[in-house]
Every structure is written in C-alpha cells, then in structure tokens.
C-alpha cells in the first residue's frame, strides 16, 4: 500500500493534525506535516508515531546524519533570512516560515530521508 508522504493542513487545525497522527501511528509511517498559513508554512517531523524501541534506536543512531542533512539542505528551502530551523534531530525536525511550495519540497525530502533510514 502506498502511503501519503506528508499531510498539509492549516496551522491550528487540531482535527486534521490528530487524524494524520493516528494514520501514521496505525501504519507506522513518518509523521510529517506541513502546517500552512496564508503564504508561509512550517514543516514538522515527529518520531512519536513509531511505537517500537527498535525504531527509536534506529533514529537515535542516525541523529548526526539527520542533523547534517537538514542543515545542508535548508538553504534550498529558505527564501529569506526569516526562515529558520527550530529543531533538527532524530526525534523532531521543525522548519519554520518557508513558502508553501518550499515546505512541500522539504516535507518530501524529509520523508525520503526518514524512509531511507528505515529501509537500511
């Protein structure tokens, strides 16, 4: 079954956020969301939907790889100096104030990164 790579919804839409969280938890897929406003969006990955210690260990073992990837790729997404990385690590990735188009690209790239860690 092909799963969506991320879910985009309006920032503050608790119902959409909860539904996406449950979907990711039930299917054990990366919980990546794009939370948009009028022109800008935030991208978030949270490990919380993985329910095994092995998944936590695998992500923790790749912490440096995840951090380095986010810092190396961030300039591809940032449209000005107001965009920023609020957090980048094995458990949470949070990119703030990207254009919606850049946020969607970033979410897709983060999905690729996290999926590749679990594929190895």
N, C-alpha and C. Protein backbone atom coordinates (compact mmCIF):
# COMPACT_ATOMS: atom_id res chain seq x y z
N UNK A 1 0.85 -1.19 0.00
CA UNK A 1 0.00 0.00 0.00
C UNK A 1 0.88 1.24 0.00
N UNK A 2 0.60 2.15 -0.90
CA UNK A 2 1.33 3.41 -0.97
C UNK A 2 0.70 4.40 0.01
N UNK A 3 1.50 4.92 0.91
CA UNK A 3 1.01 5.89 1.90
C UNK A 3 1.39 7.30 1.48
N UNK A 4 0.59 8.28 1.86
CA UNK A 4 0.99 9.67 1.61
C UNK A 4 2.31 9.96 2.33
N UNK A 5 3.13 10.78 1.73
CA UNK A 5 4.43 11.09 2.33
C UNK A 5 4.33 12.14 3.43
N UNK A 6 3.34 13.00 3.32
CA UNK A 6 3.10 14.02 4.35
C UNK A 6 1.67 14.51 4.19
N UNK A 7 1.23 15.28 5.15
CA UNK A 7 -0.12 15.85 5.10
C UNK A 7 0.01 17.36 5.28
N UNK A 8 -0.65 18.13 4.44
CA UNK A 8 -0.68 19.58 4.55
C UNK A 8 -2.05 20.01 5.05
N UNK A 9 -2.05 20.89 6.03
CA UNK A 9 -3.30 21.42 6.56
C UNK A 9 -3.03 22.77 7.21
N UNK A 10 -4.10 23.51 7.42
CA UNK A 10 -3.99 24.84 8.00
C UNK A 10 -3.46 24.75 9.44
N UNK A 11 -2.52 25.63 9.75
CA UNK A 11 -1.98 25.66 11.11
C UNK A 11 -3.12 25.90 12.09
N UNK A 12 -3.16 25.12 13.15
CA UNK A 12 -4.21 25.23 14.15
C UNK A 12 -5.36 24.27 13.93
N UNK A 13 -5.34 23.52 12.83
CA UNK A 13 -6.39 22.54 12.56
C UNK A 13 -6.10 21.27 13.36
N UNK A 14 -6.56 21.25 14.59
CA UNK A 14 -6.29 20.15 15.51
C UNK A 14 -6.88 18.83 14.99
N UNK A 15 -8.05 18.90 14.39
CA UNK A 15 -8.70 17.68 13.87
C UNK A 15 -7.84 17.03 12.80
N UNK A 16 -7.37 17.82 11.83
CA UNK A 16 -6.52 17.27 10.76
C UNK A 16 -5.21 16.73 11.33
N UNK A 17 -4.63 17.45 12.28
CA UNK A 17 -3.39 17.02 12.91
C UNK A 17 -3.59 15.67 13.62
N UNK A 18 -4.64 15.56 14.39
CA UNK A 18 -4.93 14.31 15.11
C UNK A 18 -5.21 13.15 14.16
N UNK A 19 -5.97 13.41 13.11
CA UNK A 19 -6.28 12.36 12.13
C UNK A 19 -5.01 11.86 11.45
N UNK A 20 -4.13 12.80 11.09
CA UNK A 20 -2.87 12.42 10.44
C UNK A 20 -1.98 11.65 11.42
N UNK A 21 -1.94 12.08 12.66
CA UNK A 21 -1.17 11.38 13.68
C UNK A 21 -1.65 9.93 13.81
N UNK A 22 -2.94 9.73 13.91
CA UNK A 22 -3.49 8.38 14.04
C UNK A 22 -3.19 7.52 12.81
N UNK A 23 -3.30 8.12 11.64
CA UNK A 23 -2.98 7.38 10.41
C UNK A 23 -1.52 6.91 10.44
N UNK A 24 -0.62 7.83 10.76
CA UNK A 24 0.81 7.49 10.79
C UNK A 24 1.11 6.43 11.85
N UNK A 25 0.49 6.56 13.01
CA UNK A 25 0.68 5.58 14.07
C UNK A 25 0.17 4.21 13.64
N UNK A 26 -1.02 4.16 13.08
CA UNK A 26 -1.61 2.88 12.69
C UNK A 26 -0.84 2.19 11.58
N UNK A 27 -0.21 2.98 10.69
CA UNK A 27 0.52 2.41 9.56
C UNK A 27 2.03 2.43 9.76
N UNK A 28 2.49 3.00 10.89
CA UNK A 28 3.91 3.08 11.21
C UNK A 28 4.71 3.73 10.08
N UNK A 29 4.23 4.91 9.66
CA UNK A 29 4.90 5.71 8.64
C UNK A 29 5.32 7.04 9.25
N UNK A 30 6.27 7.73 8.63
CA UNK A 30 6.75 9.00 9.19
C UNK A 30 5.61 10.02 9.35
N UNK A 31 5.57 10.65 10.50
CA UNK A 31 4.59 11.69 10.81
C UNK A 31 5.19 13.03 10.40
N UNK A 32 4.89 13.43 9.17
CA UNK A 32 5.43 14.67 8.61
C UNK A 32 4.24 15.52 8.19
N UNK A 33 4.23 16.75 8.66
CA UNK A 33 3.12 17.64 8.33
C UNK A 33 3.63 18.99 7.85
N UNK A 34 2.86 19.59 6.98
CA UNK A 34 3.08 20.96 6.53
C UNK A 34 1.90 21.76 7.06
N UNK A 35 2.19 22.68 7.95
CA UNK A 35 1.14 23.50 8.57
C UNK A 35 1.24 24.90 7.99
N UNK A 36 0.26 25.21 7.13
CA UNK A 36 0.35 26.46 6.38
C UNK A 36 -0.51 27.56 6.97
N UNK A 37 -0.10 28.77 6.61
CA UNK A 37 -0.88 29.97 6.89
C UNK A 37 -1.26 30.54 5.52
N UNK A 38 -1.30 31.83 5.35
CA UNK A 38 -1.67 32.41 4.06
C UNK A 38 -0.61 32.15 3.00
N UNK A 39 0.64 32.53 3.27
CA UNK A 39 1.72 32.38 2.29
C UNK A 39 2.87 31.52 2.80
N UNK A 40 2.96 31.33 4.09
CA UNK A 40 4.09 30.61 4.67
C UNK A 40 3.62 29.34 5.36
N UNK A 41 4.58 28.46 5.62
CA UNK A 41 4.25 27.19 6.25
C UNK A 41 5.42 26.70 7.10
N UNK A 42 5.09 25.83 8.04
CA UNK A 42 6.08 25.15 8.87
C UNK A 42 6.05 23.67 8.51
N UNK A 43 7.21 23.03 8.58
CA UNK A 43 7.31 21.60 8.31
C UNK A 43 7.73 20.92 9.61
N UNK A 44 7.04 19.83 9.95
CA UNK A 44 7.35 19.13 11.18
C UNK A 44 7.40 17.63 10.95
N UNK A 45 8.47 17.02 11.44
CA UNK A 45 8.55 15.57 11.56
C UNK A 45 8.62 15.27 13.05
N UNK A 46 7.85 14.30 13.51
CA UNK A 46 7.90 13.87 14.90
C UNK A 46 7.94 12.34 14.92
N UNK A 47 8.87 11.80 15.67
CA UNK A 47 9.05 10.35 15.74
C UNK A 47 7.95 9.64 16.53
N UNK A 48 7.10 10.36 17.18
CA UNK A 48 6.16 9.83 18.17
C UNK A 48 5.24 8.73 17.63
N UNK A 49 5.04 8.67 16.33
CA UNK A 49 4.13 7.65 15.80
C UNK A 49 4.77 6.28 15.70
N UNK A 50 6.09 6.20 15.87
CA UNK A 50 6.73 4.89 15.87
C UNK A 50 6.60 4.29 17.27
N UNK A 51 6.11 3.07 17.34
CA UNK A 51 5.79 2.51 18.66
C UNK A 51 6.72 1.39 19.09
N UNK A 52 7.92 1.33 18.53
CA UNK A 52 8.86 0.31 18.96
C UNK A 52 10.16 0.94 19.44
N UNK A 53 10.79 0.28 20.36
CA UNK A 53 12.08 0.74 20.85
C UNK A 53 13.13 0.64 19.75
N UNK A 54 12.98 -0.34 18.87
CA UNK A 54 13.92 -0.51 17.76
C UNK A 54 13.88 0.70 16.83
N UNK A 55 12.69 1.23 16.60
CA UNK A 55 12.57 2.43 15.75
C UNK A 55 13.26 3.61 16.41
N UNK A 56 13.06 3.79 17.71
CA UNK A 56 13.74 4.87 18.43
C UNK A 56 15.25 4.70 18.33
N UNK A 57 15.73 3.48 18.54
CA UNK A 57 17.16 3.22 18.49
C UNK A 57 17.73 3.51 17.11
N UNK A 58 17.00 3.13 16.07
CA UNK A 58 17.45 3.36 14.70
C UNK A 58 17.54 4.85 14.40
N UNK A 59 16.54 5.60 14.80
CA UNK A 59 16.57 7.04 14.58
C UNK A 59 17.68 7.70 15.41
N UNK A 60 17.83 7.29 16.67
CA UNK A 60 18.89 7.85 17.51
C UNK A 60 20.27 7.58 16.92
N UNK A 61 20.47 6.40 16.38
CA UNK A 61 21.76 6.04 15.79
C UNK A 61 22.07 6.88 14.55
N UNK A 62 21.05 7.46 13.96
CA UNK A 62 21.22 8.29 12.77
C UNK A 62 21.05 9.79 13.04
N UNK A 63 21.13 10.18 14.30
CA UNK A 63 20.92 11.57 14.69
C UNK A 63 21.83 12.52 13.92
N UNK A 64 23.11 12.23 13.86
CA UNK A 64 24.05 13.12 13.17
C UNK A 64 23.74 13.20 11.68
N UNK A 65 23.39 12.08 11.07
CA UNK A 65 23.02 12.06 9.65
C UNK A 65 21.80 12.94 9.41
N UNK A 66 20.81 12.84 10.28
CA UNK A 66 19.58 13.64 10.14
C UNK A 66 19.90 15.13 10.28
N UNK A 67 20.65 15.47 11.33
CA UNK A 67 21.01 16.88 11.55
C UNK A 67 21.77 17.45 10.36
N UNK A 68 22.78 16.71 9.92
CA UNK A 68 23.61 17.19 8.83
C UNK A 68 22.80 17.38 7.55
N UNK A 69 21.91 16.44 7.27
CA UNK A 69 21.06 16.54 6.09
C UNK A 69 20.21 17.81 6.14
N UNK A 70 19.57 18.05 7.26
CA UNK A 70 18.70 19.22 7.39
C UNK A 70 19.51 20.51 7.23
N UNK A 71 20.64 20.61 7.89
CA UNK A 71 21.44 21.82 7.79
C UNK A 71 22.01 22.01 6.39
N UNK A 72 22.40 20.92 5.72
CA UNK A 72 22.93 21.01 4.36
C UNK A 72 21.85 21.43 3.36
N UNK A 73 20.63 20.94 3.53
CA UNK A 73 19.56 21.19 2.57
C UNK A 73 18.76 22.47 2.84
N UNK A 74 18.87 23.03 4.04
CA UNK A 74 18.00 24.13 4.42
C UNK A 74 18.06 25.31 3.46
N UNK A 75 19.23 25.63 2.95
CA UNK A 75 19.34 26.77 2.05
C UNK A 75 18.53 26.57 0.76
N UNK A 76 18.25 25.31 0.41
CA UNK A 76 17.41 25.04 -0.76
C UNK A 76 15.95 25.45 -0.52
N UNK A 77 15.55 25.51 0.73
CA UNK A 77 14.16 25.81 1.08
C UNK A 77 13.94 27.25 1.53
N UNK A 78 14.95 27.85 2.14
CA UNK A 78 14.79 29.18 2.74
C UNK A 78 14.73 30.25 1.66
N UNK A 79 13.71 31.06 1.71
CA UNK A 79 13.56 32.13 0.72
C UNK A 79 14.08 33.47 1.23
N UNK A 80 14.30 33.58 2.53
CA UNK A 80 14.89 34.79 3.10
C UNK A 80 15.47 34.45 4.48
N UNK A 81 16.00 35.46 5.14
CA UNK A 81 16.66 35.20 6.43
C UNK A 81 15.68 35.05 7.59
N UNK A 82 14.39 35.14 7.33
CA UNK A 82 13.40 34.92 8.39
C UNK A 82 13.05 33.43 8.55
N UNK A 83 13.38 32.64 7.56
CA UNK A 83 13.17 31.19 7.67
C UNK A 83 14.21 30.64 8.63
N UNK A 84 13.83 29.63 9.39
CA UNK A 84 14.82 29.09 10.32
C UNK A 84 14.51 27.65 10.69
N UNK A 85 15.54 27.00 11.21
CA UNK A 85 15.43 25.64 11.71
C UNK A 85 15.18 25.76 13.21
N UNK A 86 13.99 25.41 13.65
CA UNK A 86 13.67 25.48 15.08
C UNK A 86 14.23 24.26 15.81
N UNK A 87 14.28 23.13 15.12
CA UNK A 87 14.86 21.91 15.72
C UNK A 87 15.22 20.94 14.60
N UNK A 88 16.33 20.26 14.77
CA UNK A 88 16.74 19.22 13.82
C UNK A 88 17.44 18.13 14.60
N UNK A 89 16.82 16.99 14.68
CA UNK A 89 17.41 15.87 15.39
C UNK A 89 16.66 14.59 15.09
N UNK A 90 17.05 13.53 15.74
CA UNK A 90 16.47 12.22 15.47
C UNK A 90 14.99 12.15 15.80
N UNK A 91 14.54 12.95 16.76
CA UNK A 91 13.16 12.84 17.23
C UNK A 91 12.21 13.88 16.67
N UNK A 92 12.71 15.05 16.38
CA UNK A 92 11.87 16.13 15.86
C UNK A 92 12.68 16.95 14.86
N UNK A 93 12.02 17.28 13.76
CA UNK A 93 12.55 18.25 12.80
C UNK A 93 11.47 19.31 12.66
N UNK A 94 11.85 20.57 12.81
CA UNK A 94 10.88 21.66 12.70
C UNK A 94 11.51 22.80 11.92
N UNK A 95 10.99 23.05 10.73
CA UNK A 95 11.44 24.14 9.86
C UNK A 95 10.33 25.18 9.82
N UNK A 96 10.70 26.44 10.02
CA UNK A 96 9.69 27.49 10.19
C UNK A 96 9.75 28.53 9.07
N UNK A 97 8.57 29.02 8.73
CA UNK A 97 8.37 30.19 7.86
C UNK A 97 8.90 30.01 6.44
N UNK A 98 8.69 28.82 5.88
CA UNK A 98 9.04 28.58 4.48
C UNK A 98 7.84 28.95 3.60
N UNK A 99 8.10 29.19 2.32
CA UNK A 99 6.97 29.32 1.41
C UNK A 99 6.27 27.97 1.38
N UNK A 100 5.01 27.96 1.01
CA UNK A 100 4.26 26.70 0.98
C UNK A 100 4.90 25.73 -0.01
N UNK A 101 5.32 26.21 -1.16
CA UNK A 101 5.99 25.36 -2.14
C UNK A 101 7.27 24.75 -1.58
N UNK A 102 8.10 25.57 -0.93
CA UNK A 102 9.34 25.08 -0.33
C UNK A 102 9.06 24.11 0.81
N UNK A 103 8.02 24.37 1.57
CA UNK A 103 7.65 23.48 2.67
C UNK A 103 7.26 22.11 2.13
N UNK A 104 6.51 22.08 1.05
CA UNK A 104 6.13 20.80 0.44
C UNK A 104 7.36 20.03 -0.05
N UNK A 105 8.31 20.74 -0.66
CA UNK A 105 9.56 20.09 -1.11
C UNK A 105 10.35 19.55 0.09
N UNK A 106 10.44 20.36 1.14
CA UNK A 106 11.16 19.95 2.34
C UNK A 106 10.51 18.72 2.97
N UNK A 107 9.19 18.71 3.04
CA UNK A 107 8.48 17.56 3.61
C UNK A 107 8.76 16.30 2.80
N UNK A 108 8.76 16.41 1.49
CA UNK A 108 9.04 15.27 0.63
C UNK A 108 10.47 14.78 0.85
N UNK A 109 11.41 15.70 0.96
CA UNK A 109 12.81 15.32 1.19
C UNK A 109 13.00 14.67 2.56
N UNK A 110 12.32 15.19 3.58
CA UNK A 110 12.42 14.60 4.91
C UNK A 110 11.83 13.20 4.90
N UNK A 111 10.74 13.03 4.19
CA UNK A 111 10.16 11.68 4.05
C UNK A 111 11.19 10.73 3.43
N UNK A 112 11.86 11.17 2.40
CA UNK A 112 12.88 10.35 1.76
C UNK A 112 14.00 9.98 2.71
N UNK A 113 14.43 10.95 3.50
CA UNK A 113 15.50 10.72 4.47
C UNK A 113 15.08 9.69 5.52
N UNK A 114 13.95 9.91 6.15
CA UNK A 114 13.49 9.01 7.21
C UNK A 114 13.20 7.63 6.65
N UNK A 115 12.59 7.55 5.49
CA UNK A 115 12.30 6.26 4.87
C UNK A 115 13.58 5.50 4.54
N UNK A 116 14.61 6.22 4.09
CA UNK A 116 15.87 5.55 3.76
C UNK A 116 16.54 4.98 5.02
N UNK A 117 16.37 5.64 6.14
CA UNK A 117 16.93 5.13 7.40
C UNK A 117 16.26 3.82 7.77
N UNK A 118 14.95 3.75 7.59
CA UNK A 118 14.23 2.53 7.94
C UNK A 118 14.42 1.41 6.90
N UNK A 119 14.79 1.79 5.68
CA UNK A 119 14.99 0.80 4.62
C UNK A 119 16.30 0.05 4.78
N UNK A 120 17.27 0.67 5.44
CA UNK A 120 18.60 0.04 5.59
C UNK A 120 18.63 -0.97 6.70
